[in-house]
Amino acid sequence: MRFDTIIRNGTVATASDTFVCDIGIRDGRIVALASGLEDATDIIDAAGLFVLPGGIDSHVHLAQPSGEGIVMADDFDTGTRSAAIGGNSTVLAFCMQEKGQTLREALKAYHRKAEDRCHVDVAFHLVITDPTPDVLGQELPALVEDGYTSLKVFMTYEGLRLRDDEILATLDAARRTGALVMVHCENEDAIRYLIGRHEEEGKLAPRYHATTRPIPAEREATHRALSLAEIVDVPIVIVHVSNREAMEEIRRARQRGQKIAGETCPQYLMLTADDLDRDALEGAKYVCSPPPRDKASQQACWEGLEQDVFDLFSSDHCPFRYDDAEGKLNEKGKRHFRWIPNGIPGVATRLPILFSEGVMKGRITLNQFVAQTSTNHAKLYGLYPRKGTIAVGADADITLWDPDKRVRITNDLLAHGADYTPYEGLEVRGWPVRLLVRGRTVMASGAMVAEGTTGIYLPRDRSGLVRQQKPDASV
């Protein structure tokens, strides 16, 4: 049996097992796992390295409309390039429906943005902001059948958020079609009330972004989202959880028997609200929603990963340039925190941070790392077993990790479109040194090596979580 590529001498890890073997690759797929494989065009010696499934970042914003005069820092070219630098072979980006727009129109626009510009494989989540009867009753069922099997709703941001009755209607449509719903949980009415109070008191600096989005606003919305899902009897994903209180709502819902997935992000492990209180307008770099909290919340999020309350570790990569009139320091943003674009870059730093702070410091196992950064994403969003594991028949999406390589993170390493990283100067131990996407080496030694763009669009099956439901049932 002749192989295109053999990876030898590495320590292979999946979400469940760690073992030593050779990996035989042909036509972009893994076709053999054994010792002593021979006869290949390319032999990769992985001695001293971990051989892991390529990272899957299922929470990434690219080329997204961001308000008048504001431009997102990454398109699909720079965003997927940065993903590859960080060891990711697949990203799931959001396709934002604008008011009055059909889902099909939104998808056509996003496919045009992504076409021939992706360095890793890509799929889309639908963002529903205008849940009309036509959208929920006609468009969504057809799109789910076409492989667009996940969607997101917002409980905050005026213009994006849905009322509770709209959320219920969307959840019910998802139940009937077998789609999986992600929910951004923050109480918009509470936030708007607190913004008004801050404005009356002249508190407009970046640090007040955090105090107008307090933990109770996230906890209440999390409880409400879980209650609405329970009413309709449908699984949901609670995204970017930042604190213990919201995490405990997920834990309690599971104890009641709800099918729930939870997600947290690097910013809730590494940053705090104090970062928004830096000199001058430096705090604007750290404005995201929910905002970073405090040390106790960091510890709670670590516990959520250690105890598998969180299934997913995602970046919520939402990049804007800092020193830019179309970014964080736009003219209105200089005067008032509410006009600072919400979001921070992180697709390239997600994996190194969790590997260094989690695996190398003994907080999580290597197998948990694989599950939380790849396998669970593939299972939850309908890509498994093609993606997210090292097994015969799977795509040869493989990241080679040097567990002893020490890197000081600087913005110039990350190849994204932003002009900063919130993790500047952080030293990490463990770094992805090579990435294969469907058998082709895309990144090596921190640089892109593949000619042109290699990523493809991925239609997806229904989630493993919703297959347990009866999509045709009604409330």
Protein backbone atom coordinates (compact mmCIF):
# COMPACT_ATOMS: atom_id res chain seq x y z
CA MET A 1 0.00 0.00 0.00
CA ARG A 2 1.59 3.26 -1.09
CA PHE A 3 0.82 6.36 0.96
CA ASP A 4 1.03 10.01 0.08
CA THR A 5 2.34 10.78 3.56
CA ILE A 6 3.42 8.85 6.64
CA ILE A 7 3.77 10.52 10.04
CA ARG A 8 6.17 8.50 12.19
CA ASN A 9 7.41 8.34 15.77
CA GLY A 10 4.91 10.76 17.29
CA THR A 11 2.65 10.40 20.32
CA VAL A 12 -0.90 10.36 18.99
CA ALA A 13 -3.72 11.65 21.20
CA THR A 14 -7.48 11.64 20.67
CA ALA A 15 -10.26 12.65 23.04
CA SER A 16 -10.11 9.21 24.66
CA ASP A 17 -6.70 7.61 24.05
CA THR A 18 -2.97 8.33 23.85
CA PHE A 19 -0.73 5.93 21.93
CA VAL A 20 2.33 5.69 19.69
CA CYS A 21 1.85 4.67 16.07
CA ASP A 22 2.46 5.71 12.48
CA ILE A 23 -0.26 7.45 10.49
CA GLY A 24 -0.71 6.63 6.80
CA ILE A 25 -2.41 9.27 4.65
CA ARG A 26 -3.76 8.92 1.13
CA ASP A 27 -6.01 11.23 -0.91
CA GLY A 28 -6.46 13.54 2.06
CA ARG A 29 -7.74 10.85 4.43
CA ILE A 30 -6.21 8.76 7.18
CA VAL A 31 -6.07 5.21 5.80
CA ALA A 32 -3.82 3.40 8.27
CA LEU A 33 -2.81 3.53 11.94
CA ALA A 34 -0.06 1.00 12.61
CA SER A 35 3.60 0.52 13.42
CA GLY A 36 6.30 0.35 10.81
CA LEU A 37 4.41 1.83 7.88
CA GLU A 38 6.51 2.09 4.71
CA ASP A 39 6.37 3.42 1.16
CA ALA A 40 5.24 7.03 1.02
CA THR A 41 6.05 10.06 -1.08
CA ASP A 42 6.57 12.14 2.08
CA ILE A 43 7.77 10.96 5.48
CA ILE A 44 7.24 13.28 8.48
CA ASP A 45 9.30 12.49 11.56
CA ALA A 46 7.26 13.50 14.61
CA ALA A 47 9.71 12.24 17.25
CA GLY A 48 9.24 14.17 20.47
CA LEU A 49 5.98 15.71 19.24
CA PHE A 50 2.31 15.23 20.02
CA VAL A 51 0.20 14.33 16.98
CA LEU A 52 -3.29 15.75 17.54
CA PRO A 53 -6.45 16.30 15.50
CA GLY A 54 -6.44 19.74 13.92
CA GLY A 55 -8.08 22.35 16.10
CA ILE A 56 -11.69 23.27 15.37
CA ASP A 57 -12.69 26.77 16.45
CA SER A 58 -16.46 26.87 16.30
CA HIS A 59 -16.89 30.50 17.36
CA VAL A 60 -15.23 32.89 14.91
CA HIS A 61 -16.41 36.21 13.43
CA LEU A 62 -14.95 37.12 10.03
CA ALA A 63 -15.86 39.87 7.53
CA GLN A 64 -18.98 40.62 9.58
CA PRO A 65 -20.96 43.88 9.26
CA SER A 66 -20.18 45.79 12.45
CA GLY A 67 -22.04 49.07 12.32
CA GLU A 68 -21.69 52.33 10.44
CA GLY A 69 -18.06 53.34 9.97
CA ILE A 70 -16.68 50.21 11.66
CA VAL A 71 -14.76 47.54 9.76
CA MET A 72 -13.83 44.12 11.14
CA ALA A 73 -10.07 43.56 11.03
CA ASP A 74 -10.16 40.05 9.52
CA ASP A 75 -11.65 38.80 6.30
CA PHE A 76 -11.61 35.10 5.39
CA ASP A 77 -8.06 35.35 4.05
CA THR A 78 -6.37 36.82 7.12
CA GLY A 79 -8.70 35.14 9.60
CA THR A 80 -8.16 31.61 8.31
CA ARG A 81 -4.44 32.30 7.87
CA SER A 82 -4.24 33.21 11.55
CA ALA A 83 -6.29 30.12 12.42
CA ALA A 84 -3.71 27.94 10.65
CA ILE A 85 -0.82 29.63 12.45
CA GLY A 86 -2.54 28.64 15.71
CA GLY A 87 -2.97 24.98 14.73
CA ASN A 88 -6.60 25.06 13.58
CA SER A 89 -7.72 23.10 10.52
CA THR A 90 -11.40 24.16 10.62
CA VAL A 91 -13.29 27.27 11.68
CA LEU A 92 -17.02 27.86 11.96
CA ALA A 93 -17.86 31.48 11.18
CA PHE A 94 -21.11 33.36 11.64
CA CYS A 95 -23.31 34.36 8.73
CA MET A 96 -25.19 37.40 9.98
CA GLN A 97 -28.72 37.98 8.73
CA GLU A 98 -29.44 41.70 8.63
CA LYS A 99 -32.94 43.06 9.26
CA GLY A 100 -35.17 42.54 6.25
CA GLN A 101 -32.72 40.13 4.64
CA THR A 102 -33.51 36.52 3.85
CA LEU A 103 -31.18 33.81 5.11
CA ARG A 104 -30.43 32.79 1.52
CA GLU A 105 -29.37 36.34 0.69
CA ALA A 106 -27.09 36.45 3.73
CA LEU A 107 -25.53 33.10 2.81
CA LYS A 108 -24.88 34.14 -0.77
CA ALA A 109 -23.05 37.21 0.50
CA TYR A 110 -20.92 35.19 2.92
CA HIS A 111 -20.06 32.54 0.38
CA ARG A 112 -18.85 35.32 -1.91
CA LYS A 113 -16.70 36.70 0.91
CA ALA A 114 -15.17 33.28 1.61
CA GLU A 115 -14.78 31.92 -1.91
CA ASP A 116 -11.17 31.09 -2.81
CA ARG A 117 -9.91 32.94 0.28
CA CYS A 118 -9.77 30.25 2.98
CA HIS A 119 -6.57 28.58 4.16
CA VAL A 120 -8.42 26.09 6.38
CA ASP A 121 -11.84 24.44 6.04
CA VAL A 122 -14.88 26.57 6.87
CA ALA A 123 -18.54 26.16 7.78
CA PHE A 124 -21.21 28.72 8.67
CA HIS A 125 -23.55 29.21 11.60
CA LEU A 126 -26.67 31.20 10.72
CA VAL A 127 -27.38 34.27 12.88
CA ILE A 128 -31.11 34.95 13.00
CA THR A 129 -32.02 38.56 13.73
CA ASP A 130 -35.34 38.70 11.88
CA PRO A 131 -37.33 35.51 12.63
CA THR A 132 -40.27 36.04 10.31
CA PRO A 133 -42.71 33.20 9.60
CA ASP A 134 -41.11 32.76 6.17
CA VAL A 135 -37.61 32.55 7.68
CA LEU A 136 -38.60 30.01 10.34
CA GLY A 137 -41.22 28.09 8.42
CA GLN A 138 -39.72 27.91 4.94
CA GLU A 139 -36.09 29.01 4.75
CA LEU A 140 -34.73 27.36 7.88
CA PRO A 141 -36.05 23.83 7.17
CA ALA A 142 -34.61 23.91 3.64
CA LEU A 143 -31.25 25.27 4.81
CA VAL A 144 -30.92 22.64 7.53
CA GLU A 145 -31.42 19.98 4.88
CA ASP A 146 -28.68 21.70 2.85
CA GLY A 147 -26.21 21.30 5.73
CA TYR A 148 -26.56 24.62 7.58
CA THR A 149 -27.44 22.88 10.81
CA SER A 150 -26.69 25.44 13.52
CA LEU A 151 -27.85 28.95 14.28
CA LYS A 152 -27.30 31.68 16.82
CA VAL A 153 -29.59 34.12 18.57
CA PHE A 154 -28.73 37.15 20.68
CA MET A 155 -30.37 38.30 23.90
CA THR A 156 -28.40 41.57 23.79
CA TYR A 157 -27.36 44.28 21.31
CA GLU A 158 -30.18 46.45 20.02
CA GLY A 159 -30.89 45.48 16.42
CA LEU A 160 -29.70 41.91 16.99
CA ARG A 161 -31.50 40.73 20.10
CA LEU A 162 -34.71 38.75 19.99
CA ARG A 163 -37.64 39.05 22.37
CA ASP A 164 -38.51 36.00 24.44
CA ASP A 165 -41.45 35.12 22.17
CA GLU A 166 -39.15 35.35 19.14
CA ILE A 167 -36.60 33.14 20.86
CA LEU A 168 -39.32 30.58 21.63
CA ALA A 169 -40.47 30.59 18.01
CA THR A 170 -36.88 30.14 16.81
CA LEU A 171 -36.25 27.34 19.29
CA ASP A 172 -39.45 25.60 18.22
CA ALA A 173 -38.44 25.88 14.56
CA ALA A 174 -35.03 24.46 15.46
CA ARG A 175 -36.70 21.56 17.25
CA ARG A 176 -38.84 20.72 14.23
CA THR A 177 -35.92 20.93 11.79
CA GLY A 178 -33.17 19.43 13.95
CA ALA A 179 -31.06 22.59 14.02
CA LEU A 180 -28.88 23.39 17.04
CA VAL A 181 -29.26 26.86 18.61
CA MET A 182 -26.43 28.84 20.20
CA VAL A 183 -27.44 31.65 22.59
CA HIS A 184 -25.56 34.81 23.59
CA CYS A 185 -26.91 35.38 27.10
CA GLU A 186 -26.97 38.91 28.51
CA ASN A 187 -29.98 40.94 29.67
CA GLU A 188 -30.20 43.89 27.24
CA ASP A 189 -32.77 45.83 29.29
CA ALA A 190 -30.56 45.71 32.37
CA ILE A 191 -27.55 46.75 30.32
CA ARG A 192 -29.38 49.70 28.75
CA TYR A 193 -30.60 50.82 32.18
CA LEU A 194 -27.06 50.72 33.59
CA ILE A 195 -25.68 52.56 30.55
CA GLY A 196 -28.19 55.34 31.21
CA ARG A 197 -27.10 55.60 34.84
CA HIS A 198 -23.44 55.70 33.82
CA GLU A 199 -24.16 58.43 31.29
CA GLU A 200 -25.90 60.54 33.95
CA GLU A 201 -22.79 60.21 36.13
CA GLY A 202 -20.35 60.93 33.29
CA LYS A 203 -18.79 57.45 33.47
CA LEU A 204 -17.87 56.91 29.84
CA ALA A 205 -14.33 55.41 29.89
CA PRO A 206 -13.67 51.88 28.56
CA ARG A 207 -13.68 50.37 32.06
CA TYR A 208 -17.38 51.13 32.39
CA HIS A 209 -18.19 48.67 29.64
CA ALA A 210 -17.63 45.99 32.30
CA THR A 211 -19.75 47.60 35.02
CA THR A 212 -22.72 48.01 32.66
CA ARG A 213 -22.59 44.27 31.85
CA PRO A 214 -22.35 42.74 35.34
CA ILE A 215 -22.44 39.05 36.20
CA PRO A 216 -26.15 39.08 37.23
CA ALA A 217 -27.09 40.29 33.73
CA GLU A 218 -25.37 37.25 32.25
CA ARG A 219 -26.62 34.85 34.91
CA GLU A 220 -30.26 35.95 34.55
CA ALA A 221 -30.18 35.67 30.77
CA THR A 222 -28.53 32.25 30.99
CA HIS A 223 -31.27 31.03 33.32
CA ARG A 224 -33.92 32.52 31.03
CA ALA A 225 -32.43 30.93 27.90
CA LEU A 226 -32.32 27.55 29.61
CA SER A 227 -35.91 27.98 30.78
CA LEU A 228 -37.10 28.86 27.29
CA ALA A 229 -35.28 25.81 25.90
CA GLU A 230 -36.90 23.66 28.58
CA ILE A 231 -40.34 24.97 27.64
CA VAL A 232 -39.82 23.94 24.02
CA ASP A 233 -37.79 20.84 24.98
CA VAL A 234 -34.83 21.50 22.73
CA PRO A 235 -31.06 21.40 23.37
CA ILE A 236 -29.08 24.64 23.19
CA VAL A 237 -25.49 25.84 23.47
CA ILE A 238 -24.68 28.58 25.97
CA VAL A 239 -21.72 30.40 24.44
CA HIS A 240 -18.80 32.36 25.95
CA VAL A 241 -19.60 31.81 29.64
CA SER A 242 -17.52 34.15 31.82
CA ASN A 243 -18.29 33.33 35.46
CA ARG A 244 -19.33 30.79 38.07
CA GLU A 245 -22.92 31.97 38.39
CA ALA A 246 -23.75 31.37 34.73
CA MET A 247 -21.77 28.13 34.73
CA GLU A 248 -23.80 26.83 37.67
CA GLU A 249 -27.00 27.50 35.73
CA ILE A 250 -25.70 25.08 33.08
CA ARG A 251 -24.78 22.52 35.71
CA ARG A 252 -28.21 22.70 37.33
CA ALA A 253 -29.98 22.42 33.98
CA ARG A 254 -28.06 19.22 33.27
CA GLN A 255 -29.03 17.88 36.68
CA ARG A 256 -32.65 18.48 35.68
CA GLY A 257 -32.06 16.39 32.58
CA GLN A 258 -31.72 19.12 29.95
CA LYS A 259 -29.41 18.49 27.01
CA ILE A 260 -27.11 21.50 27.16
CA ALA A 261 -23.64 22.34 25.88
CA GLY A 262 -21.48 25.05 27.44
CA GLU A 263 -18.59 27.07 26.06
CA THR A 264 -15.91 29.31 27.52
CA CYS A 265 -13.04 31.26 25.96
CA PRO A 266 -9.42 32.30 26.64
CA GLN A 267 -10.33 35.83 27.70
CA TYR A 268 -12.21 34.46 30.70
CA LEU A 269 -9.15 32.51 31.82
CA MET A 270 -6.48 35.14 31.19
CA LEU A 271 -8.02 38.64 31.38
CA THR A 272 -9.93 40.56 34.06
CA ALA A 273 -12.02 43.73 34.20
CA ASP A 274 -8.87 45.52 35.39
CA ASP A 275 -7.53 45.24 31.85
CA LEU A 276 -10.29 47.60 30.71
CA ASP A 277 -8.99 50.14 33.26
CA ARG A 278 -5.59 50.63 31.65
CA ASP A 279 -4.13 54.09 31.07
CA ALA A 280 -5.57 56.42 28.44
CA LEU A 281 -7.69 54.37 26.04
CA GLU A 282 -5.65 51.16 26.22
CA GLY A 283 -8.60 49.56 27.94
CA ALA A 284 -10.51 49.68 24.66
CA LYS A 285 -8.36 46.78 23.44
CA TYR A 286 -10.09 44.49 25.94
CA VAL A 287 -13.72 45.45 25.34
CA CYS A 288 -15.74 42.33 24.56
CA SER A 289 -19.06 40.88 25.65
CA PRO A 290 -19.49 39.40 28.11
CA PRO A 291 -16.55 41.32 29.58
CA PRO A 292 -13.68 39.70 31.47
CA ARG A 293 -14.53 39.41 35.15
CA ASP A 294 -12.22 38.82 38.14
CA LYS A 295 -9.78 36.23 39.47
CA ALA A 296 -12.56 34.24 41.15
CA SER A 297 -14.41 34.01 37.83
CA GLN A 298 -11.21 32.87 36.12
CA GLN A 299 -10.90 30.07 38.64
CA ALA A 300 -14.53 29.11 38.12
CA CYS A 301 -14.03 28.85 34.36
CA TRP A 302 -11.00 26.65 34.90
CA GLU A 303 -13.13 24.41 37.11
CA GLY A 304 -15.71 24.27 34.33
CA LEU A 305 -13.07 22.93 31.96
CA GLU A 306 -11.54 20.56 34.50
CA GLN A 307 -14.96 19.11 35.39
CA ASP A 308 -16.30 19.09 31.80
CA VAL A 309 -19.12 21.48 32.56
CA PHE A 310 -17.82 23.23 29.45
CA ASP A 311 -17.82 21.05 26.36
CA LEU A 312 -16.19 23.68 24.16
CA PHE A 313 -13.21 25.99 24.35
CA SER A 314 -13.56 28.55 21.56
CA SER A 315 -11.89 31.86 20.78
CA ASP A 316 -14.89 34.09 20.00
CA HIS A 317 -12.41 35.70 17.61
CA CYS A 318 -13.99 39.08 16.82
CA PRO A 319 -11.12 41.32 15.71
CA PHE A 320 -10.97 45.08 15.29
CA ARG A 321 -7.96 47.27 14.82
CA TYR A 322 -7.14 49.38 17.87
CA ASP A 323 -5.45 52.50 16.52
CA ASP A 324 -7.86 52.99 13.65
CA ALA A 325 -10.75 55.34 12.93
CA GLU A 326 -12.72 52.31 11.72
CA GLY A 327 -11.83 50.25 14.79
CA LYS A 328 -11.63 50.59 18.56
CA LEU A 329 -10.51 54.24 18.48
CA ASN A 330 -13.23 55.54 16.20
CA GLU A 331 -14.26 59.10 17.04
CA LYS A 332 -17.37 58.13 19.00
CA GLY A 333 -15.54 55.27 20.72
CA LYS A 334 -12.93 57.71 22.05
CA ARG A 335 -15.70 59.57 23.86
CA HIS A 336 -18.00 56.77 25.04
CA PHE A 337 -17.45 53.07 25.81
CA ARG A 338 -20.73 52.05 24.17
CA TRP A 339 -19.31 52.92 20.73
CA ILE A 340 -16.16 50.85 21.14
CA PRO A 341 -16.58 47.77 18.91
CA ASN A 342 -17.13 44.68 21.03
CA GLY A 343 -14.61 41.91 20.41
CA ILE A 344 -10.98 40.85 20.59
CA PRO A 345 -8.71 38.76 18.35
CA GLY A 346 -7.84 35.25 19.51
CA VAL A 347 -8.12 32.50 16.87
CA ALA A 348 -4.33 31.97 16.75
CA THR A 349 -3.76 32.09 20.51
CA ARG A 350 -6.66 29.86 21.67
CA LEU A 351 -4.84 26.54 21.43
CA PRO A 352 -1.41 27.62 22.76
CA ILE A 353 -3.00 29.30 25.78
CA LEU A 354 -5.08 26.26 26.77
CA PHE A 355 -2.21 23.86 26.07
CA SER A 356 0.25 25.87 28.16
CA GLU A 357 -2.03 26.93 31.01
CA GLY A 358 -4.15 23.78 31.00
CA VAL A 359 -2.18 20.71 29.90
CA MET A 360 1.34 21.78 30.85
CA LYS A 361 0.22 23.04 34.27
CA GLY A 362 -1.80 19.90 35.02
CA ARG A 363 -5.24 21.50 35.08
CA ILE A 364 -6.62 19.33 32.25
CA THR A 365 -5.37 16.18 30.54
CA LEU A 366 -4.10 16.04 26.99
CA ASN A 367 -7.24 14.07 26.05
CA GLN A 368 -9.48 16.78 27.55
CA PHE A 369 -7.53 19.33 25.52
CA VAL A 370 -8.29 17.39 22.32
CA ALA A 371 -11.95 17.03 23.26
CA GLN A 372 -12.50 20.66 24.24
CA THR A 373 -10.66 22.16 21.26
CA SER A 374 -11.55 19.73 18.46
CA THR A 375 -13.57 16.54 19.01
CA ASN A 376 -16.50 18.04 20.90
CA HIS A 377 -16.80 20.83 18.32
CA ALA A 378 -16.98 18.23 15.53
CA LYS A 379 -19.55 16.14 17.37
CA LEU A 380 -21.70 19.07 18.45
CA TYR A 381 -21.79 20.75 15.04
CA GLY A 382 -22.23 17.77 12.73
CA LEU A 383 -18.67 17.24 11.46
CA TYR A 384 -17.77 14.02 13.31
CA PRO A 385 -16.20 11.57 12.46
CA ARG A 386 -14.89 13.27 9.33
CA LYS A 387 -13.32 15.94 11.55
CA GLY A 388 -12.14 16.12 15.14
CA THR A 389 -10.32 12.82 15.57
CA ILE A 390 -7.45 10.68 14.34
CA ALA A 391 -9.06 7.53 12.97
CA VAL A 392 -9.12 5.54 9.77
CA GLY A 393 -11.46 7.27 7.36
CA ALA A 394 -11.21 10.71 8.94
CA ASP A 395 -9.83 13.71 7.10
CA ALA A 396 -6.07 14.00 7.65
CA ASP A 397 -6.43 17.22 9.65
CA ILE A 398 -3.45 16.92 11.95
CA THR A 399 -1.49 19.33 14.13
CA LEU A 400 2.00 18.49 15.35
CA TRP A 401 2.72 20.02 18.75
CA ASP A 402 6.10 20.60 20.34
CA PRO A 403 5.23 20.42 24.06
CA ASP A 404 8.51 21.97 25.13
CA LYS A 405 8.69 24.87 22.70
CA ARG A 406 8.50 28.15 24.60
CA VAL A 407 7.08 31.14 22.77
CA ARG A 408 6.50 34.70 23.93
CA ILE A 409 3.31 35.80 22.19
CA THR A 410 3.68 38.94 20.11
CA ASN A 411 1.28 40.35 17.56
CA ASP A 412 3.68 39.88 14.66
CA LEU A 413 3.51 36.08 15.09
CA LEU A 414 -0.23 35.78 14.58
CA ALA A 415 -0.88 36.81 10.95
CA HIS A 416 -4.28 38.33 11.69
CA GLY A 417 -5.56 41.71 10.56
CA ALA A 418 -5.67 43.31 14.00
CA ASP A 419 -2.86 45.62 15.12
CA TYR A 420 -2.65 44.09 18.62
CA THR A 421 -3.18 40.95 20.66
CA PRO A 422 -4.61 41.10 24.19
CA TYR A 423 -2.01 38.48 25.15
CA GLU A 424 1.08 40.48 24.12
CA GLY A 425 4.12 39.28 26.09
CA LEU A 426 2.50 36.13 27.51
CA GLU A 427 4.98 33.26 27.51
CA VAL A 428 3.49 29.88 26.69
CA ARG A 429 4.99 26.39 26.75
CA GLY A 430 3.85 24.23 23.85
CA TRP A 431 3.29 25.42 20.29
CA PRO A 432 1.87 24.01 17.03
CA VAL A 433 4.81 23.48 14.66
CA ARG A 434 3.03 21.91 11.69
CA LEU A 435 -0.53 21.75 10.40
CA LEU A 436 -1.96 19.40 7.79
CA VAL A 437 -5.40 20.11 6.29
CA ARG A 438 -6.78 17.05 4.50
CA GLY A 439 -3.24 15.69 4.20
CA ARG A 440 -1.62 18.83 2.83
CA THR A 441 0.88 20.76 4.93
CA VAL A 442 -0.45 24.29 5.26
CA MET A 443 1.70 25.66 8.09
CA ALA A 444 5.19 24.72 9.26
CA SER A 445 7.42 26.39 11.84
CA GLY A 446 5.02 29.29 12.27
CA ALA A 447 4.77 30.18 8.57
CA MET A 448 2.28 29.41 5.82
CA VAL A 449 3.83 27.04 3.27
CA ALA A 450 0.97 25.94 1.01
CA GLU A 451 0.60 27.79 -2.26
CA GLY A 452 -2.74 29.50 -2.74
CA THR A 453 -5.73 28.70 -0.58
CA THR A 454 -6.59 25.14 0.43
CA GLY A 455 -9.74 25.49 2.51
CA ILE A 456 -13.13 24.22 1.40
CA TYR A 457 -16.69 24.84 2.57
CA LEU A 458 -18.18 22.05 4.72
CA PRO A 459 -21.88 21.13 4.69
CA ARG A 460 -22.73 19.50 8.01
CA ASP A 461 -24.94 16.80 9.45
CA ARG A 462 -27.30 17.52 12.32
CA SER A 463 -25.70 17.77 15.73
CA GLY A 464 -25.15 14.65 17.80
CA LEU A 465 -27.06 16.47 20.53
CA VAL A 466 -30.21 17.02 18.47
CA ARG A 467 -30.25 13.58 16.86
CA GLN A 468 -31.62 12.43 20.21
CA GLN A 469 -34.71 14.62 19.65
CA LYS A 470 -37.65 14.08 17.31
CA PRO A 471 -37.28 16.88 14.75
CA ASP A 472 -40.86 16.52 13.48
CA ALA A 473 -42.45 16.73 16.93
CA SER A 474 -44.33 19.82 18.08
CA VAL A 475 -44.76 21.39 21.48
